Amino acid sequence: MRSRCTSPKVDILQRGEDPVGDSDLMHIPIALRAGFGELGRHGSIIHPDLGPLFRLGTVVTDLPMTCDKPVDLGIAEFCDRCQACQKYCPADAIPTQRNPAAGVDPIGKVRYVLDTGRCFPYFARQHYCSICLAVCAYKHKEWARDLKGVETKLSPTTLLKDPPPTVDPSPPVRVHDYPRLDVLYNRTHPDR
């Protein structure tokens, strides 16, 4: 018997599927409901091991499966205290407070609402941004420190025993205790 196609991709295309990075599916809500991580202040999912740096994809199937549940790993509370993405956002698109009018995420936390009217135009003008992901403490787990600066957090539940990274003794006005970010802050906020 002869095969209908030469590769799975051809078969998918013959059935009318379009396997490209663009989709009508909203991957973040699907991943949150599946327990992949928690929603960060910057509007992206933060995975406890991968941080905010990964690409989501969704496979739609009618196969019977056991579904995971949303998880509460303490990431949302850490985002409430950290504020790095909000402080370094060159478009000032990341909120300082959660917005009760936006509802709650799958684990019941009131959502932050990214100002897409500021974020997307800036992203388009610059042809790239993602500074919020670059400064996320979960990208730089060695930087995720408690508010007293005493312990370095690898995750909300895992602590390093080594001393925290050193901090520039003369940081700019709005910089917090994340090392090496003063250069990025000055580059993204030249008027402050």
N, C-alpha and C. Protein backbone atom coordinates (compact mmCIF):
# COMPACT_ATOMS: atom_id res chain seq x y z
N MET A 1 0.85 -1.17 0.00
CA MET A 1 0.00 0.00 0.00
C MET A 1 0.89 1.24 0.00
N ARG A 2 0.56 2.19 -0.81
CA ARG A 2 1.36 3.39 -0.96
C ARG A 2 0.93 4.46 0.05
N SER A 3 1.92 5.14 0.62
CA SER A 3 1.64 6.19 1.60
C SER A 3 1.06 7.41 0.91
N ARG A 4 0.16 8.11 1.61
CA ARG A 4 -0.44 9.34 1.06
C ARG A 4 0.54 10.49 1.04
N CYS A 5 1.55 10.44 1.87
CA CYS A 5 2.46 11.58 1.95
C CYS A 5 3.88 11.10 2.20
N THR A 6 4.81 12.01 2.05
CA THR A 6 6.21 11.65 2.24
C THR A 6 6.72 12.02 3.63
N SER A 7 6.00 12.87 4.33
CA SER A 7 6.43 13.24 5.68
C SER A 7 5.22 13.65 6.50
N PRO A 8 5.35 13.63 7.84
CA PRO A 8 4.23 14.07 8.68
C PRO A 8 3.82 15.51 8.37
N LYS A 9 4.80 16.37 8.06
CA LYS A 9 4.47 17.77 7.78
C LYS A 9 3.58 17.87 6.55
N VAL A 10 3.89 17.10 5.52
CA VAL A 10 3.07 17.12 4.31
C VAL A 10 1.66 16.63 4.64
N ASP A 11 1.56 15.57 5.45
CA ASP A 11 0.25 15.06 5.83
C ASP A 11 -0.55 16.12 6.58
N ILE A 12 0.09 16.82 7.49
CA ILE A 12 -0.59 17.88 8.24
C ILE A 12 -1.08 18.96 7.28
N LEU A 13 -0.22 19.35 6.34
CA LEU A 13 -0.61 20.38 5.37
C LEU A 13 -1.76 19.90 4.49
N GLN A 14 -1.74 18.62 4.10
CA GLN A 14 -2.82 18.09 3.26
C GLN A 14 -4.14 18.09 4.01
N ARG A 15 -4.09 17.96 5.32
CA ARG A 15 -5.33 17.97 6.11
C ARG A 15 -5.79 19.38 6.45
N GLY A 16 -5.06 20.38 5.99
CA GLY A 16 -5.48 21.75 6.22
C GLY A 16 -4.90 22.39 7.46
N GLU A 17 -3.98 21.71 8.13
CA GLU A 17 -3.35 22.28 9.32
C GLU A 17 -2.19 23.17 8.90
N ASP A 18 -1.90 24.19 9.69
CA ASP A 18 -0.81 25.11 9.39
C ASP A 18 0.16 25.12 10.57
N PRO A 19 1.24 24.34 10.52
CA PRO A 19 2.14 24.23 11.67
C PRO A 19 3.16 25.37 11.74
N VAL A 20 2.69 26.57 12.01
CA VAL A 20 3.58 27.72 12.16
C VAL A 20 3.47 28.24 13.58
N GLY A 21 4.31 29.21 13.92
CA GLY A 21 4.35 29.75 15.27
C GLY A 21 3.16 30.59 15.65
N ASP A 22 2.36 30.99 14.70
CA ASP A 22 1.19 31.82 14.97
C ASP A 22 -0.01 30.90 15.19
N SER A 23 -0.89 31.28 16.06
CA SER A 23 -2.01 30.40 16.39
C SER A 23 -3.18 31.22 16.89
N ASP A 24 -4.36 30.66 16.73
CA ASP A 24 -5.56 31.26 17.31
C ASP A 24 -5.72 30.87 18.77
N LEU A 25 -4.93 29.91 19.23
CA LEU A 25 -4.99 29.48 20.62
C LEU A 25 -4.21 30.43 21.51
N MET A 26 -4.71 30.63 22.70
CA MET A 26 -4.01 31.43 23.70
C MET A 26 -3.21 30.46 24.58
N HIS A 27 -1.93 30.33 24.28
CA HIS A 27 -1.10 29.32 24.92
C HIS A 27 -0.90 29.56 26.42
N ILE A 28 -0.79 30.81 26.84
CA ILE A 28 -0.51 31.08 28.26
C ILE A 28 -1.65 30.59 29.16
N PRO A 29 -2.92 30.92 28.89
CA PRO A 29 -3.97 30.38 29.76
C PRO A 29 -4.03 28.85 29.76
N ILE A 30 -3.77 28.25 28.61
CA ILE A 30 -3.78 26.78 28.53
C ILE A 30 -2.66 26.21 29.42
N ALA A 31 -1.47 26.78 29.32
CA ALA A 31 -0.33 26.29 30.11
C ALA A 31 -0.55 26.53 31.60
N LEU A 32 -1.16 27.65 31.96
CA LEU A 32 -1.45 27.91 33.38
C LEU A 32 -2.42 26.88 33.93
N ARG A 33 -3.46 26.58 33.18
CA ARG A 33 -4.44 25.59 33.64
C ARG A 33 -3.83 24.20 33.73
N ALA A 34 -2.80 23.95 32.92
CA ALA A 34 -2.13 22.64 32.93
C ALA A 34 -1.07 22.55 34.02
N GLY A 35 -0.86 23.63 34.78
CA GLY A 35 0.11 23.59 35.87
C GLY A 35 1.55 23.74 35.43
N PHE A 36 1.78 24.39 34.29
CA PHE A 36 3.14 24.54 33.77
C PHE A 36 3.96 25.55 34.56
N GLY A 37 3.30 26.47 35.23
CA GLY A 37 3.99 27.50 36.01
C GLY A 37 2.98 28.50 36.52
N GLU A 38 3.46 29.68 36.88
CA GLU A 38 2.59 30.75 37.35
C GLU A 38 2.76 31.98 36.47
N LEU A 39 1.76 32.83 36.48
CA LEU A 39 1.80 34.05 35.69
C LEU A 39 2.62 35.10 36.42
N GLY A 40 3.62 35.64 35.73
CA GLY A 40 4.46 36.69 36.30
C GLY A 40 3.86 38.06 36.08
N ARG A 41 4.40 39.04 36.77
CA ARG A 41 3.97 40.43 36.64
C ARG A 41 4.06 40.88 35.19
N HIS A 42 5.05 40.37 34.45
CA HIS A 42 5.30 40.78 33.07
C HIS A 42 4.35 40.13 32.07
N GLY A 43 3.44 39.30 32.52
CA GLY A 43 2.44 38.71 31.64
C GLY A 43 2.85 37.39 31.01
N SER A 44 4.05 36.92 31.28
CA SER A 44 4.50 35.63 30.78
C SER A 44 4.47 34.61 31.91
N ILE A 45 4.47 33.35 31.52
CA ILE A 45 4.51 32.29 32.53
C ILE A 45 5.94 32.17 33.06
N ILE A 46 6.03 31.94 34.35
CA ILE A 46 7.32 31.64 34.97
C ILE A 46 7.27 30.19 35.43
N HIS A 47 8.12 29.38 34.84
CA HIS A 47 8.24 27.97 35.20
C HIS A 47 9.26 27.89 36.34
N PRO A 48 9.04 27.03 37.34
CA PRO A 48 9.95 27.00 38.49
C PRO A 48 11.39 26.64 38.14
N ASP A 49 11.62 25.91 37.06
CA ASP A 49 12.99 25.55 36.67
C ASP A 49 13.47 26.31 35.45
N LEU A 50 12.60 26.55 34.49
CA LEU A 50 12.98 27.21 33.25
C LEU A 50 12.91 28.73 33.33
N GLY A 51 12.26 29.24 34.37
CA GLY A 51 12.06 30.69 34.46
C GLY A 51 11.08 31.15 33.40
N PRO A 52 11.27 32.36 32.84
CA PRO A 52 10.34 32.86 31.83
C PRO A 52 10.83 32.61 30.40
N LEU A 53 11.95 31.89 30.24
CA LEU A 53 12.57 31.77 28.92
C LEU A 53 12.29 30.43 28.27
N PHE A 54 11.18 30.33 27.59
CA PHE A 54 10.81 29.14 26.84
C PHE A 54 9.72 29.55 25.86
N ARG A 55 9.44 28.72 24.91
CA ARG A 55 8.37 28.96 23.94
C ARG A 55 7.26 27.95 24.21
N LEU A 56 6.05 28.43 24.21
CA LEU A 56 4.90 27.55 24.40
C LEU A 56 4.35 27.11 23.06
N GLY A 57 3.84 25.92 23.04
CA GLY A 57 3.11 25.40 21.89
C GLY A 57 1.98 24.55 22.43
N THR A 58 0.95 24.39 21.67
CA THR A 58 -0.21 23.64 22.11
C THR A 58 -0.54 22.59 21.07
N VAL A 59 -0.76 21.37 21.51
CA VAL A 59 -1.22 20.30 20.63
C VAL A 59 -2.66 20.03 21.01
N VAL A 60 -3.54 20.12 20.03
CA VAL A 60 -4.96 19.87 20.26
C VAL A 60 -5.24 18.43 19.85
N THR A 61 -5.87 17.69 20.75
CA THR A 61 -6.17 16.29 20.47
C THR A 61 -7.48 15.91 21.13
N ASP A 62 -8.06 14.83 20.64
CA ASP A 62 -9.24 14.29 21.30
C ASP A 62 -8.91 12.99 22.04
N LEU A 63 -7.62 12.71 22.22
CA LEU A 63 -7.21 11.53 22.98
C LEU A 63 -7.56 11.71 24.45
N PRO A 64 -8.00 10.66 25.11
CA PRO A 64 -8.28 10.78 26.54
C PRO A 64 -6.97 10.94 27.32
N MET A 65 -6.95 11.91 28.22
CA MET A 65 -5.74 12.18 29.01
C MET A 65 -6.13 12.57 30.43
N THR A 66 -5.20 12.35 31.34
CA THR A 66 -5.35 12.87 32.69
C THR A 66 -4.72 14.26 32.70
N CYS A 67 -5.45 15.24 33.15
CA CYS A 67 -4.96 16.62 33.11
C CYS A 67 -4.33 17.01 34.44
N ASP A 68 -3.24 17.76 34.35
CA ASP A 68 -2.65 18.35 35.54
C ASP A 68 -3.50 19.52 35.99
N LYS A 69 -3.23 20.00 37.17
CA LYS A 69 -3.97 21.12 37.75
C LYS A 69 -3.06 22.34 37.86
N PRO A 70 -3.64 23.54 37.94
CA PRO A 70 -2.84 24.75 38.19
C PRO A 70 -2.05 24.60 39.49
N VAL A 71 -0.87 25.21 39.52
CA VAL A 71 0.01 25.08 40.69
C VAL A 71 0.27 26.44 41.33
N ASP A 72 0.45 26.42 42.64
CA ASP A 72 0.85 27.61 43.39
C ASP A 72 2.21 27.31 43.99
N LEU A 73 3.26 27.87 43.37
CA LEU A 73 4.63 27.63 43.79
C LEU A 73 5.23 28.80 44.56
N GLY A 74 4.42 29.83 44.80
CA GLY A 74 4.93 31.01 45.49
C GLY A 74 5.56 32.03 44.56
N ILE A 75 5.52 31.77 43.26
CA ILE A 75 6.13 32.68 42.29
C ILE A 75 5.39 34.01 42.26
N ALA A 76 4.06 33.97 42.33
CA ALA A 76 3.28 35.21 42.28
C ALA A 76 3.63 36.13 43.44
N GLU A 77 3.79 35.57 44.63
CA GLU A 77 4.16 36.40 45.78
C GLU A 77 5.56 36.97 45.62
N PHE A 78 6.46 36.19 45.04
CA PHE A 78 7.81 36.69 44.79
C PHE A 78 7.76 37.86 43.80
N CYS A 79 6.93 37.74 42.76
CA CYS A 79 6.78 38.83 41.78
C CYS A 79 6.25 40.10 42.44
N ASP A 80 5.36 39.93 43.41
CA ASP A 80 4.82 41.10 44.12
C ASP A 80 5.93 41.91 44.77
N ARG A 81 6.94 41.24 45.32
CA ARG A 81 8.03 41.92 46.01
C ARG A 81 9.15 42.36 45.07
N CYS A 82 9.41 41.58 44.04
CA CYS A 82 10.58 41.80 43.19
C CYS A 82 10.48 43.10 42.38
N GLN A 83 9.52 43.20 41.52
CA GLN A 83 9.26 44.38 40.69
C GLN A 83 10.35 44.71 39.68
N ALA A 84 11.31 43.83 39.43
CA ALA A 84 12.39 44.13 38.48
C ALA A 84 11.85 44.43 37.10
N CYS A 85 10.94 43.61 36.60
CA CYS A 85 10.43 43.82 35.24
C CYS A 85 9.71 45.16 35.14
N GLN A 86 8.98 45.53 36.17
CA GLN A 86 8.25 46.80 36.15
C GLN A 86 9.23 47.97 36.17
N LYS A 87 10.26 47.87 36.97
CA LYS A 87 11.21 48.98 37.10
C LYS A 87 12.04 49.19 35.84
N TYR A 88 12.34 48.12 35.11
CA TYR A 88 13.21 48.22 33.95
C TYR A 88 12.45 48.30 32.62
N CYS A 89 11.14 48.21 32.63
CA CYS A 89 10.37 48.26 31.38
C CYS A 89 10.52 49.64 30.74
N PRO A 90 11.15 49.73 29.55
CA PRO A 90 11.35 51.03 28.93
C PRO A 90 10.06 51.68 28.45
N ALA A 91 9.02 50.89 28.28
CA ALA A 91 7.73 51.42 27.84
C ALA A 91 6.81 51.75 29.01
N ASP A 92 7.25 51.48 30.23
CA ASP A 92 6.41 51.63 31.43
C ASP A 92 5.06 50.94 31.25
N ALA A 93 5.11 49.73 30.71
CA ALA A 93 3.89 48.98 30.40
C ALA A 93 3.51 47.97 31.47
N ILE A 94 4.39 47.74 32.43
CA ILE A 94 4.13 46.73 33.45
C ILE A 94 3.62 47.41 34.71
N PRO A 95 2.48 46.95 35.23
CA PRO A 95 1.84 47.65 36.35
C PRO A 95 2.57 47.47 37.68
N THR A 96 2.33 48.43 38.56
CA THR A 96 2.88 48.34 39.90
C THR A 96 1.97 47.53 40.83
N GLN A 97 0.69 47.45 40.51
CA GLN A 97 -0.28 46.76 41.35
C GLN A 97 -1.09 45.76 40.53
N ARG A 98 -1.64 44.78 41.20
CA ARG A 98 -2.58 43.86 40.56
C ARG A 98 -3.89 44.61 40.30
N ASN A 99 -4.64 44.16 39.31
CA ASN A 99 -5.88 44.82 38.92
C ASN A 99 -7.07 43.91 39.20
N PRO A 100 -7.82 44.16 40.28
CA PRO A 100 -8.97 43.31 40.61
C PRO A 100 -10.01 43.23 39.50
N ALA A 101 -10.11 44.27 38.68
CA ALA A 101 -11.08 44.26 37.58
C ALA A 101 -10.71 43.23 36.51
N ALA A 102 -9.46 42.79 36.50
CA ALA A 102 -9.01 41.83 35.49
C ALA A 102 -9.35 40.39 35.86
N GLY A 103 -9.87 40.18 37.05
CA GLY A 103 -10.20 38.83 37.46
C GLY A 103 -9.01 38.12 38.10
N VAL A 104 -9.13 36.81 38.20
CA VAL A 104 -8.09 36.01 38.85
C VAL A 104 -7.53 34.98 37.88
N ASP A 105 -6.30 34.54 38.16
CA ASP A 105 -5.68 33.50 37.34
C ASP A 105 -6.18 32.13 37.82
N PRO A 106 -5.74 31.05 37.20
CA PRO A 106 -6.25 29.72 37.58
C PRO A 106 -6.00 29.30 39.02
N ILE A 107 -5.04 29.93 39.72
CA ILE A 107 -4.83 29.56 41.13
C ILE A 107 -5.47 30.57 42.08
N GLY A 108 -6.26 31.49 41.52
CA GLY A 108 -7.02 32.42 42.34
C GLY A 108 -6.34 33.72 42.68
N LYS A 109 -5.21 34.03 42.07
CA LYS A 109 -4.50 35.30 42.32
C LYS A 109 -5.06 36.38 41.41
N VAL A 110 -5.26 37.57 41.96
CA VAL A 110 -5.69 38.71 41.15
C VAL A 110 -4.59 38.99 40.13
N ARG A 111 -4.99 39.27 38.91
CA ARG A 111 -4.02 39.41 37.81
C ARG A 111 -3.37 40.79 37.77
N TYR A 112 -2.17 40.81 37.22
CA TYR A 112 -1.54 42.04 36.75
C TYR A 112 -2.02 42.22 35.31
N VAL A 113 -2.18 43.45 34.86
CA VAL A 113 -2.59 43.69 33.48
C VAL A 113 -1.51 44.51 32.78
N LEU A 114 -0.84 43.88 31.84
CA LEU A 114 0.17 44.54 31.03
C LEU A 114 -0.50 45.59 30.15
N ASP A 115 0.06 46.78 30.06
CA ASP A 115 -0.47 47.83 29.20
C ASP A 115 0.02 47.58 27.78
N THR A 116 -0.75 46.82 27.02
CA THR A 116 -0.34 46.47 25.66
C THR A 116 -0.30 47.69 24.74
N GLY A 117 -1.02 48.74 25.09
CA GLY A 117 -0.97 49.98 24.32
C GLY A 117 0.38 50.67 24.43
N ARG A 118 1.16 50.32 25.44
CA ARG A 118 2.52 50.84 25.59
C ARG A 118 3.55 49.80 25.15
N CYS A 119 3.33 48.54 25.53
CA CYS A 119 4.29 47.47 25.27
C CYS A 119 4.44 47.20 23.77
N PHE A 120 3.35 46.92 23.09
CA PHE A 120 3.44 46.49 21.69
C PHE A 120 3.99 47.57 20.77
N PRO A 121 3.58 48.84 20.90
CA PRO A 121 4.19 49.86 20.04
C PRO A 121 5.70 50.01 20.27
N TYR A 122 6.12 49.93 21.53
CA TYR A 122 7.56 50.01 21.82
C TYR A 122 8.28 48.83 21.18
N PHE A 123 7.72 47.64 21.36
CA PHE A 123 8.30 46.42 20.79
C PHE A 123 8.42 46.56 19.27
N ALA A 124 7.37 47.08 18.64
CA ALA A 124 7.38 47.24 17.18
C ALA A 124 8.42 48.26 16.73
N ARG A 125 8.53 49.37 17.44
CA ARG A 125 9.52 50.40 17.07
C ARG A 125 10.95 49.89 17.22
N GLN A 126 11.19 49.12 18.26
CA GLN A 126 12.54 48.62 18.53
C GLN A 126 12.84 47.31 17.79
N HIS A 127 11.82 46.70 17.22
CA HIS A 127 11.93 45.40 16.55
C HIS A 127 12.27 44.27 17.52
N TYR A 128 12.26 44.55 18.79
CA TYR A 128 12.49 43.56 19.82
C TYR A 128 12.56 44.29 21.16
N CYS A 129 12.28 43.60 22.22
CA CYS A 129 12.47 44.18 23.54
C CYS A 129 12.75 43.04 24.52
N SER A 130 11.71 42.54 25.17
CA SER A 130 11.82 41.46 26.14
C SER A 130 12.77 41.75 27.29
N ILE A 131 12.96 43.03 27.59
CA ILE A 131 13.78 43.41 28.74
C ILE A 131 13.17 42.84 30.02
N CYS A 132 11.84 42.78 30.06
CA CYS A 132 11.17 42.23 31.24
C CYS A 132 11.61 40.79 31.50
N LEU A 133 11.82 40.02 30.45
CA LEU A 133 12.27 38.64 30.62
C LEU A 133 13.75 38.59 30.95
N ALA A 134 14.51 39.52 30.39
CA ALA A 134 15.96 39.55 30.64
C ALA A 134 16.28 39.86 32.10
N VAL A 135 15.45 40.69 32.74
CA VAL A 135 15.73 41.08 34.13
C VAL A 135 14.96 40.25 35.15
N CYS A 136 14.12 39.35 34.68
CA CYS A 136 13.33 38.53 35.59
C CYS A 136 14.25 37.72 36.51
N ALA A 137 13.99 37.78 37.79
CA ALA A 137 14.81 37.06 38.77
C ALA A 137 14.79 35.56 38.51
N TYR A 138 13.75 35.06 37.89
CA TYR A 138 13.69 33.63 37.59
C TYR A 138 14.52 33.27 36.36
N LYS A 139 14.94 34.25 35.59
CA LYS A 139 15.93 34.00 34.54
C LYS A 139 17.31 33.95 35.18
N HIS A 140 17.53 34.81 36.16
CA HIS A 140 18.80 34.89 36.88
C HIS A 140 18.56 34.41 38.30
N LYS A 141 18.40 33.13 38.46
CA LYS A 141 18.03 32.62 39.78
C LYS A 141 19.07 32.96 40.84
N GLU A 142 20.31 33.15 40.43
CA GLU A 142 21.32 33.52 41.42
C GLU A 142 21.10 34.94 41.93
N TRP A 143 20.23 35.71 41.26
CA TRP A 143 19.95 37.08 41.68
C TRP A 143 18.69 37.18 42.54
N ALA A 144 17.88 36.16 42.57
CA ALA A 144 16.60 36.25 43.26
C ALA A 144 16.82 36.22 44.76
N ARG A 145 16.90 37.39 45.36
CA ARG A 145 17.22 37.49 46.78
C ARG A 145 15.99 37.87 47.58
N ASP A 146 16.01 37.50 48.84
CA ASP A 146 14.92 37.94 49.69
C ASP A 146 15.04 39.45 49.91
N LEU A 147 14.01 40.05 50.45
CA LEU A 147 13.98 41.50 50.57
C LEU A 147 15.06 42.04 51.50
N LYS A 148 15.55 41.24 52.43
CA LYS A 148 16.62 41.69 53.31
C LYS A 148 17.99 41.53 52.65
N GLY A 149 18.04 40.81 51.51
CA GLY A 149 19.31 40.59 50.83
C GLY A 149 20.18 39.58 51.54
N VAL A 150 19.59 38.74 52.38
CA VAL A 150 20.36 37.81 53.19
C VAL A 150 20.57 36.48 52.48
N GLU A 151 19.52 35.94 51.91
CA GLU A 151 19.62 34.63 51.29
C GLU A 151 19.32 34.75 49.80
N THR A 152 20.00 33.95 49.00
CA THR A 152 19.76 33.93 47.57
C THR A 152 18.79 32.81 47.28
N LYS A 153 17.71 33.14 46.59
CA LYS A 153 16.69 32.14 46.31
C LYS A 153 16.88 31.54 44.93
N LEU A 154 16.91 30.22 44.87
CA LEU A 154 16.89 29.54 43.58
C LEU A 154 15.45 29.40 43.11
N SER A 155 14.55 29.32 44.02
CA SER A 155 13.12 29.28 43.76
C SER A 155 12.48 29.72 45.06
N PRO A 156 11.17 29.89 45.10
CA PRO A 156 10.57 30.31 46.37
C PRO A 156 10.85 29.36 47.53
N THR A 157 11.22 28.11 47.23
CA THR A 157 11.41 27.14 48.30
C THR A 157 12.85 26.65 48.44
N THR A 158 13.75 27.03 47.56
CA THR A 158 15.13 26.54 47.59
C THR A 158 16.09 27.70 47.84
N LEU A 159 16.91 27.59 48.85
CA LEU A 159 17.85 28.66 49.18
C LEU A 159 19.29 28.20 49.00
N LEU A 160 20.14 29.11 48.54
CA LEU A 160 21.58 28.86 48.50
C LEU A 160 22.18 29.26 49.84
N LYS A 161 23.22 28.60 50.24
CA LYS A 161 23.89 28.95 51.49
C LYS A 161 25.05 29.92 51.25
N ASP A 162 25.47 30.07 50.00
CA ASP A 162 26.55 31.01 49.68
C ASP A 162 26.06 32.44 49.85
N PRO A 163 26.99 33.39 50.03
CA PRO A 163 26.57 34.78 50.14
C PRO A 163 25.97 35.27 48.82
N PRO A 164 25.06 36.23 48.89
CA PRO A 164 24.44 36.75 47.67
C PRO A 164 25.46 37.49 46.81
N PRO A 165 25.14 37.70 45.52
CA PRO A 165 26.06 38.42 44.66
C PRO A 165 26.30 39.84 45.17
N THR A 166 27.45 40.38 44.84
CA THR A 166 27.74 41.75 45.26
C THR A 166 26.89 42.73 44.49
N VAL A 167 26.70 43.90 45.08
CA VAL A 167 25.85 44.93 44.49
C VAL A 167 26.71 46.15 44.21
N ASP A 168 26.46 46.79 43.08
CA ASP A 168 27.16 48.03 42.74
C ASP A 168 26.91 49.04 43.86
N PRO A 169 27.95 49.64 44.45
CA PRO A 169 27.75 50.55 45.57
C PRO A 169 27.11 51.88 45.18
N SER A 170 27.08 52.21 43.91
CA SER A 170 26.48 53.48 43.50
C SER A 170 25.43 53.26 42.41
N PRO A 171 24.32 52.59 42.77
CA PRO A 171 23.31 52.31 41.76
C PRO A 171 22.50 53.56 41.40
N PRO A 172 21.88 53.57 40.21
CA PRO A 172 20.98 54.68 39.86
C PRO A 172 19.80 54.74 40.82
N VAL A 173 19.03 55.78 40.75
CA VAL A 173 17.97 56.07 41.71
C VAL A 173 16.96 54.93 41.86
N ARG A 174 16.45 54.37 40.75
CA ARG A 174 15.38 53.38 40.85
C ARG A 174 15.87 51.94 40.89
N VAL A 175 17.15 51.73 40.93
CA VAL A 175 17.66 50.36 40.91
C VAL A 175 17.50 49.71 42.27
N HIS A 176 17.17 48.45 42.26
CA HIS A 176 17.03 47.67 43.48
C HIS A 176 18.29 46.84 43.65
N ASP A 177 18.23 45.74 44.32
CA ASP A 177 19.46 45.01 44.65
C ASP A 177 19.84 43.94 43.64
N TYR A 178 19.60 44.16 42.36
CA TYR A 178 20.04 43.22 41.33
C TYR A 178 21.34 43.71 40.73
N PRO A 179 22.42 42.95 40.81
CA PRO A 179 23.70 43.40 40.27
C PRO A 179 23.67 43.46 38.76
N ARG A 180 24.52 44.26 38.19
CA ARG A 180 24.75 44.39 36.75
C ARG A 180 23.57 44.96 35.98
N LEU A 181 22.48 45.31 36.63
CA LEU A 181 21.33 45.84 35.90
C LEU A 181 21.37 47.35 35.78
N ASP A 182 22.27 48.00 36.50
CA ASP A 182 22.33 49.46 36.42
C ASP A 182 22.67 49.91 35.00
N VAL A 183 23.51 49.19 34.30
CA VAL A 183 23.86 49.54 32.92
C VAL A 183 22.63 49.41 32.03
N LEU A 184 21.88 48.32 32.19
CA LEU A 184 20.66 48.13 31.41
C LEU A 184 19.65 49.21 31.73
N TYR A 185 19.50 49.54 33.01
CA TYR A 185 18.55 50.57 33.40
C TYR A 185 18.90 51.91 32.76
N ASN A 186 20.16 52.28 32.81
CA ASN A 186 20.57 53.56 32.22
C ASN A 186 20.35 53.58 30.72
N ARG A 187 20.53 52.44 30.08
CA ARG A 187 20.32 52.37 28.63
C ARG A 187 18.84 52.48 28.28
N THR A 188 17.97 51.88 29.08
CA THR A 188 16.54 51.87 28.77
C THR A 188 15.80 53.07 29.33
N HIS A 189 16.38 53.78 30.27
CA HIS A 189 15.74 54.94 30.89
C HIS A 189 16.70 56.14 30.88
N PRO A 190 17.14 56.60 29.71
CA PRO A 190 18.14 57.67 29.68
C PRO A 190 17.64 58.99 30.24
N ASP A 191 16.33 59.19 30.27
CA ASP A 191 15.78 60.47 30.74
C ASP A 191 15.53 60.51 32.24
N ARG A 192 15.82 59.44 32.96
CA ARG A 192 15.52 59.42 34.40
C ARG A 192 16.76 59.61 35.21
